[in-house]
PDB file of N, CA and C in Angstrom:
ATOM      1  N   MET A   1     169.484 185.144 -27.242  1.00  0.00           N
ATOM      2  CA  MET A   1     168.600 185.305 -27.448  1.00  0.00           C
ATOM      3  C   MET A   1     168.056 186.611 -27.602  1.00  0.00           C
ATOM      4  N   ASP A   2     167.690 186.877 -28.777  1.00  0.00           N
ATOM      5  CA  ASP A   2     167.418 188.496 -28.781  1.00  0.00           C
ATOM      6  C   ASP A   2     166.703 189.390 -28.685  1.00  0.00           C
ATOM      7  N   ALA A   3     166.066 190.374 -29.305  1.00  0.00           N
ATOM      8  CA  ALA A   3     164.981 191.127 -28.109  1.00  0.00           C
ATOM      9  C   ALA A   3     164.011 190.923 -29.483  1.00  0.00           C
ATOM     10  N   GLN A   4     163.787 190.797 -30.488  1.00  0.00           N
ATOM     11  CA  GLN A   4     163.090 190.180 -31.700  1.00  0.00           C
ATOM     12  C   GLN A   4     162.277 188.858 -30.895  1.00  0.00           C
ATOM     13  N   MET A   5     163.364 187.907 -30.586  1.00  0.00           N
ATOM     14  CA  MET A   5     162.534 186.737 -30.670  1.00  0.00           C
ATOM     15  C   MET A   5     161.739 186.747 -28.584  1.00  0.00           C
ATOM     16  N   ILE A   6     162.741 187.829 -28.203  1.00  0.00           N
ATOM     17  CA  ILE A   6     161.809 188.074 -26.741  1.00  0.00           C
ATOM     18  C   ILE A   6     160.525 188.491 -27.216  1.00  0.00           C
ATOM     19  N   LYS A   7     160.523 189.315 -27.670  1.00  0.00           N
ATOM     20  CA  LYS A   7     159.142 190.065 -28.286  1.00  0.00           C
ATOM     21  C   LYS A   7     158.399 189.169 -28.610  1.00  0.00           C
ATOM     22  N   GLU A   8     158.692 188.303 -29.476  1.00  0.00           N
ATOM     23  CA  GLU A   8     157.945 187.241 -29.767  1.00  0.00           C
ATOM     24  C   GLU A   8     156.835 186.240 -28.893  1.00  0.00           C
ATOM     25  N   ARG A   9     157.684 185.800 -28.177  1.00  0.00           N
ATOM     26  CA  ARG A   9     157.588 184.939 -27.111  1.00  0.00           C
ATOM     27  C   ARG A   9     156.629 185.823 -26.185  1.00  0.00           C
ATOM     28  N   VAL A  10     156.678 186.685 -25.920  1.00  0.00           N
ATOM     29  CA  VAL A  10     155.689 187.974 -25.101  1.00  0.00           C
ATOM     30  C   VAL A  10     154.682 188.260 -25.650  1.00  0.00           C
ATOM     31  N   VAL A  11     154.582 188.372 -26.693  1.00  0.00           N
ATOM     32  CA  VAL A  11     153.047 188.326 -27.666  1.00  0.00           C
ATOM     33  C   VAL A  11     152.362 187.390 -27.526  1.00  0.00           C
ATOM     34  N   LYS A  12     153.129 186.454 -27.912  1.00  0.00           N
ATOM     35  CA  LYS A  12     152.254 184.792 -27.632  1.00  0.00           C
ATOM     36  C   LYS A  12     151.854 184.475 -25.736  1.00  0.00           C
ATOM     37  N   VAL A  13     152.169 184.864 -25.311  1.00  0.00           N
ATOM     38  CA  VAL A  13     152.286 184.517 -23.851  1.00  0.00           C
ATOM     39  C   VAL A  13     151.097 185.503 -23.538  1.00  0.00           C
ATOM     40  N   GLN A  14     151.123 187.299 -24.110  1.00  0.00           N
ATOM     41  CA  GLN A  14     149.604 187.924 -24.131  1.00  0.00           C
ATOM     42  C   GLN A  14     148.847 187.664 -25.288  1.00  0.00           C
ATOM     43  N   SER A  15     149.251 186.563 -25.980  1.00  0.00           N
ATOM     44  CA  SER A  15     147.796 186.861 -26.768  1.00  0.00           C
ATOM     45  C   SER A  15     146.927 185.214 -25.776  1.00  0.00           C
ATOM     46  N   GLN A  16     147.566 184.351 -25.008  1.00  0.00           N
ATOM     47  CA  GLN A  16     146.602 183.827 -23.943  1.00  0.00           C
ATOM     48  C   GLN A  16     146.088 184.479 -23.032  1.00  0.00           C
ATOM     49  N   ARG A  17     146.014 186.239 -22.478  1.00  0.00           N
ATOM     50  CA  ARG A  17     145.317 186.844 -22.071  1.00  0.00           C
ATOM     51  C   ARG A  17     144.081 186.332 -21.942  1.00  0.00           C
ATOM     52  N   GLU A  18     143.869 186.756 -22.976  1.00  0.00           N
ATOM     53  CA  GLU A  18     142.087 186.902 -23.634  1.00  0.00           C
ATOM     54  C   GLU A  18     141.262 185.157 -22.771  1.00  0.00           C
ATOM     55  N   TYR A  19     141.974 184.252 -23.049  1.00  0.00           N
ATOM     56  CA  TYR A  19     141.456 183.025 -22.838  1.00  0.00           C
ATOM     57  C   TYR A  19     141.604 182.900 -21.185  1.00  0.00           C
ATOM     58  N   LEU A  20     142.752 183.584 -20.275  1.00  0.00           N
ATOM     59  CA  LEU A  20     142.251 183.321 -19.026  1.00  0.00           C
ATOM     60  C   LEU A  20     141.078 183.795 -18.630  1.00  0.00           C
ATOM     61  N   LEU A  21     141.250 185.256 -19.078  1.00  0.00           N
ATOM     62  CA  LEU A  21     139.597 186.391 -18.865  1.00  0.00           C
ATOM     63  C   LEU A  21     138.901 185.584 -19.387  1.00  0.00           C
ATOM     64  N   SER A  22     138.632 184.801 -20.096  1.00  0.00           N
ATOM     65  CA  SER A  22     137.103 183.663 -20.883  1.00  0.00           C
ATOM     66  C   SER A  22     136.757 182.881 -19.468  1.00  0.00           C
ATOM     67  N   LEU A  23     138.047 182.281 -18.485  1.00  0.00           N
ATOM     68  CA  LEU A  23     137.629 181.207 -17.844  1.00  0.00           C
ATOM     69  C   LEU A  23     137.094 181.620 -16.599  1.00  0.00           C
ATOM     70  N   LEU A  24     137.881 183.019 -16.165  1.00  0.00           N
ATOM     71  CA  LEU A  24     137.335 183.835 -15.035  1.00  0.00           C
ATOM     72  C   LEU A  24     135.735 183.901 -15.209  1.00  0.00           C
ATOM     73  N   GLU A  25     135.193 183.804 -16.354  1.00  0.00           N
ATOM     74  CA  GLU A  25     133.814 183.763 -16.384  1.00  0.00           C
ATOM     75  C   GLU A  25     132.943 182.580 -16.382  1.00  0.00           C
ATOM     76  N   GLN A  26     133.682 181.430 -16.522  1.00  0.00           N
ATOM     77  CA  GLN A  26     133.239 180.475 -15.750  1.00  0.00           C
ATOM     78  C   GLN A  26     133.197 180.432 -14.592  1.00  0.00           C
ATOM     79  N   PRO A  27     131.223 179.913 -14.445  1.00  0.00           N
ATOM     80  CA  PRO A  27     130.995 180.052 -12.847  1.00  0.00           C
ATOM     81  C   PRO A  27     131.442 178.839 -11.969  1.00  0.00           C
ATOM     82  N   ASN A  28     131.431 177.368 -12.780  1.00  0.00           N
ATOM     83  CA  ASN A  28     132.191 176.288 -11.976  1.00  0.00           C
ATOM     84  C   ASN A  28     133.743 176.853 -12.164  1.00  0.00           C
ATOM     85  N   LEU A  29     134.230 177.226 -12.043  1.00  0.00           N
ATOM     86  CA  LEU A  29     135.987 177.029 -11.799  1.00  0.00           C
ATOM     87  C   LEU A  29     136.647 176.971 -10.179  1.00  0.00           C
ATOM     88  N   GLY A  30     135.695 177.450  -8.901  1.00  0.00           N
ATOM     89  CA  GLY A  30     135.985 176.458  -7.891  1.00  0.00           C
ATOM     90  C   GLY A  30     137.489 177.231  -7.763  1.00  0.00           C
ATOM     91  N   THR A  31     138.383 176.446  -7.103  1.00  0.00           N
ATOM     92  CA  THR A  31     139.590 176.845  -6.389  1.00  0.00           C
ATOM     93  C   THR A  31     140.184 177.226  -7.834  1.00  0.00           C
ATOM     94  N   LEU A  32     140.233 177.256  -9.168  1.00  0.00           N
ATOM     95  CA  LEU A  32     141.125 177.034 -10.142  1.00  0.00           C
ATOM     96  C   LEU A  32     141.167 178.875 -10.278  1.00  0.00           C
ATOM     97  N   ARG A  33     140.356 179.354  -9.706  1.00  0.00           N
ATOM     98  CA  ARG A  33     140.153 180.610 -10.011  1.00  0.00           C
ATOM     99  C   ARG A  33     141.194 181.626  -9.260  1.00  0.00           C
ATOM    100  N   ILE A  34     141.480 180.597  -8.791  1.00  0.00           N
ATOM    101  CA  ILE A  34     142.770 181.575  -7.749  1.00  0.00           C
ATOM    102  C   ILE A  34     144.341 181.106  -8.758  1.00  0.00           C
ATOM    103  N   ASP A  35     144.138 180.254  -9.309  1.00  0.00           N
ATOM    104  CA  ASP A  35     145.537 180.007 -10.556  1.00  0.00           C
ATOM    105  C   ASP A  35     145.297 180.719 -11.248  1.00  0.00           C
ATOM    106  N   VAL A  36     144.270 180.788 -11.871  1.00  0.00           N
ATOM    107  CA  VAL A  36     143.710 181.757 -13.123  1.00  0.00           C
ATOM    108  C   VAL A  36     144.415 183.662 -12.389  1.00  0.00           C
ATOM    109  N   ASN A  37     143.955 183.352 -11.579  1.00  0.00           N
ATOM    110  CA  ASN A  37     144.134 184.974 -11.435  1.00  0.00           C
ATOM    111  C   ASN A  37     145.530 185.128 -11.308  1.00  0.00           C
ATOM    112  N   GLN A  38     146.355 184.314 -10.591  1.00  0.00           N
ATOM    113  CA  GLN A  38     147.804 184.375 -10.450  1.00  0.00           C
ATOM    114  C   GLN A  38     148.454 184.023 -11.597  1.00  0.00           C
ATOM    115  N   ALA A  39     148.197 183.773 -12.740  1.00  0.00           N
ATOM    116  CA  ALA A  39     148.035 183.617 -13.632  1.00  0.00           C
ATOM    117  C   ALA A  39     148.303 184.822 -14.919  1.00  0.00           C
ATOM    118  N   LEU A  40     147.008 185.535 -14.785  1.00  0.00           N
ATOM    119  CA  LEU A  40     146.621 186.744 -14.844  1.00  0.00           C
ATOM    120  C   LEU A  40     147.997 187.627 -14.769  1.00  0.00           C
ATOM    121  N   GLU A  41     148.377 188.183 -13.257  1.00  0.00           N
ATOM    122  CA  GLU A  41     149.173 189.157 -12.486  1.00  0.00           C
ATOM    123  C   GLU A  41     150.446 188.607 -12.923  1.00  0.00           C
ATOM    124  N   GLU A  42     151.135 187.435 -13.340  1.00  0.00           N
ATOM    125  CA  GLU A  42     152.176 187.255 -13.906  1.00  0.00           C
ATOM    126  C   GLU A  42     152.544 187.731 -15.172  1.00  0.00           C
ATOM    127  N   MET A  43     151.116 187.656 -15.937  1.00  0.00           N
ATOM    128  CA  MET A  43     151.457 187.586 -17.813  1.00  0.00           C
ATOM    129  C   MET A  43     151.105 189.238 -17.495  1.00  0.00           C
ATOM    130  N   ASP A  44     151.033 190.096 -16.602  1.00  0.00           N
ATOM    131  CA  ASP A  44     150.940 191.198 -16.457  1.00  0.00           C
ATOM    132  C   ASP A  44     152.279 192.048 -15.930  1.00  0.00           C
ATOM    133  N   GLU A  45     152.535 191.474 -15.277  1.00  0.00           N
ATOM    134  CA  GLU A  45     154.395 191.737 -14.822  1.00  0.00           C
ATOM    135  C   GLU A  45     155.438 191.472 -15.703  1.00  0.00           C
ATOM    136  N   LEU A  46     154.801 190.315 -16.556  1.00  0.00           N
ATOM    137  CA  LEU A  46     155.703 190.141 -17.356  1.00  0.00           C
ATOM    138  C   LEU A  46     156.279 191.235 -18.444  1.00  0.00           C
ATOM    139  N   VAL A  47     154.684 191.491 -19.188  1.00  0.00           N
ATOM    140  CA  VAL A  47     154.467 192.628 -20.200  1.00  0.00           C
ATOM    141  C   VAL A  47     154.986 193.954 -19.517  1.00  0.00           C
ATOM    142  N   ASP A  48     155.168 194.235 -18.781  1.00  0.00           N
ATOM    143  CA  ASP A  48     155.020 195.475 -18.085  1.00  0.00           C
ATOM    144  C   ASP A  48     156.919 195.470 -18.046  1.00  0.00           C
ATOM    145  N   GLU A  49     157.245 194.339 -17.593  1.00  0.00           N
ATOM    146  CA  GLU A  49     159.074 194.332 -17.619  1.00  0.00           C
ATOM    147  C   GLU A  49     159.425 194.542 -18.732  1.00  0.00           C
ATOM    148  N   PHE A  50     159.029 193.654 -19.612  1.00  0.00           N
ATOM    149  CA  PHE A  50     159.466 193.686 -21.102  1.00  0.00           C
ATOM    150  C   PHE A  50     159.047 195.011 -21.540  1.00  0.00           C
ATOM    151  N   ARG A  51     158.348 196.047 -21.572  1.00  0.00           N
ATOM    152  CA  ARG A  51     157.912 197.098 -21.842  1.00  0.00           C
ATOM    153  C   ARG A  51     159.211 198.156 -21.120  1.00  0.00           C
ATOM    154  N   ARG A  52     159.700 197.811 -19.597  1.00  0.00           N
ATOM    155  CA  ARG A  52     160.615 198.735 -19.125  1.00  0.00           C
ATOM    156  C   ARG A  52     161.671 198.575 -19.962  1.00  0.00           C
ATOM    157  N   THR A  53     162.073 197.392 -19.717  1.00  0.00           N
ATOM    158  CA  THR A  53     162.863 196.862 -20.747  1.00  0.00           C
ATOM    159  C   THR A  53     163.710 197.122 -22.135  1.00  0.00           C
ATOM    160  N   PHE A  54     162.324 197.318 -22.798  1.00  0.00           N
ATOM    161  CA  PHE A  54     162.462 197.795 -24.121  1.00  0.00           C
ATOM    162  C   PHE A  54     161.493 198.562 -24.773  1.00  0.00           C
ATOM    163  N   PRO A  55     161.804 199.588 -23.743  1.00  0.00           N
ATOM    164  CA  PRO A  55     160.519 200.995 -23.999  1.00  0.00           C
ATOM    165  C   PRO A  55     160.608 201.176 -25.382  1.00  0.00           C
ATOM    166  N   GLU A  56     161.224 200.921 -26.685  1.00  0.00           N
ATOM    167  CA  GLU A  56     161.287 201.434 -27.836  1.00  0.00           C
ATOM    168  C   GLU A  56     160.624 200.755 -28.484  1.00  0.00           C
ATOM    169  N   THR A  57     160.346 199.017 -28.197  1.00  0.00           N
ATOM    170  CA  THR A  57     159.582 198.234 -28.773  1.00  0.00           C
ATOM    171  C   THR A  57     158.284 198.145 -28.463  1.00  0.00           C
ATOM    172  N   GLU A  58     157.075 198.137 -29.590  1.00  0.00           N
ATOM    173  CA  GLU A  58     155.750 197.791 -29.512  1.00  0.00           C
ATOM    174  C   GLU A  58     155.555 196.863 -29.331  1.00  0.00           C
ATOM    175  N   ILE A  59     154.885 196.370 -28.807  1.00  0.00           N
ATOM    176  CA  ILE A  59     153.849 195.207 -28.597  1.00  0.00           C
ATOM    177  C   ILE A  59     152.254 194.955 -28.506  1.00  0.00           C
TER     178      ILE A  59
END
């Protein structure tokens, strides 16, 4: 797997972040809120790690 392929996958994952944020606005989310928050945290960590690994690459 090359850097470009990794970048494309990270961009795809990052694009789903907005959807997760919209889920948090739902009043009937219940205990799934915990899972959504966890997913957001892990996505942010993934993007941060990508930026540290490939600092010259813009996403």
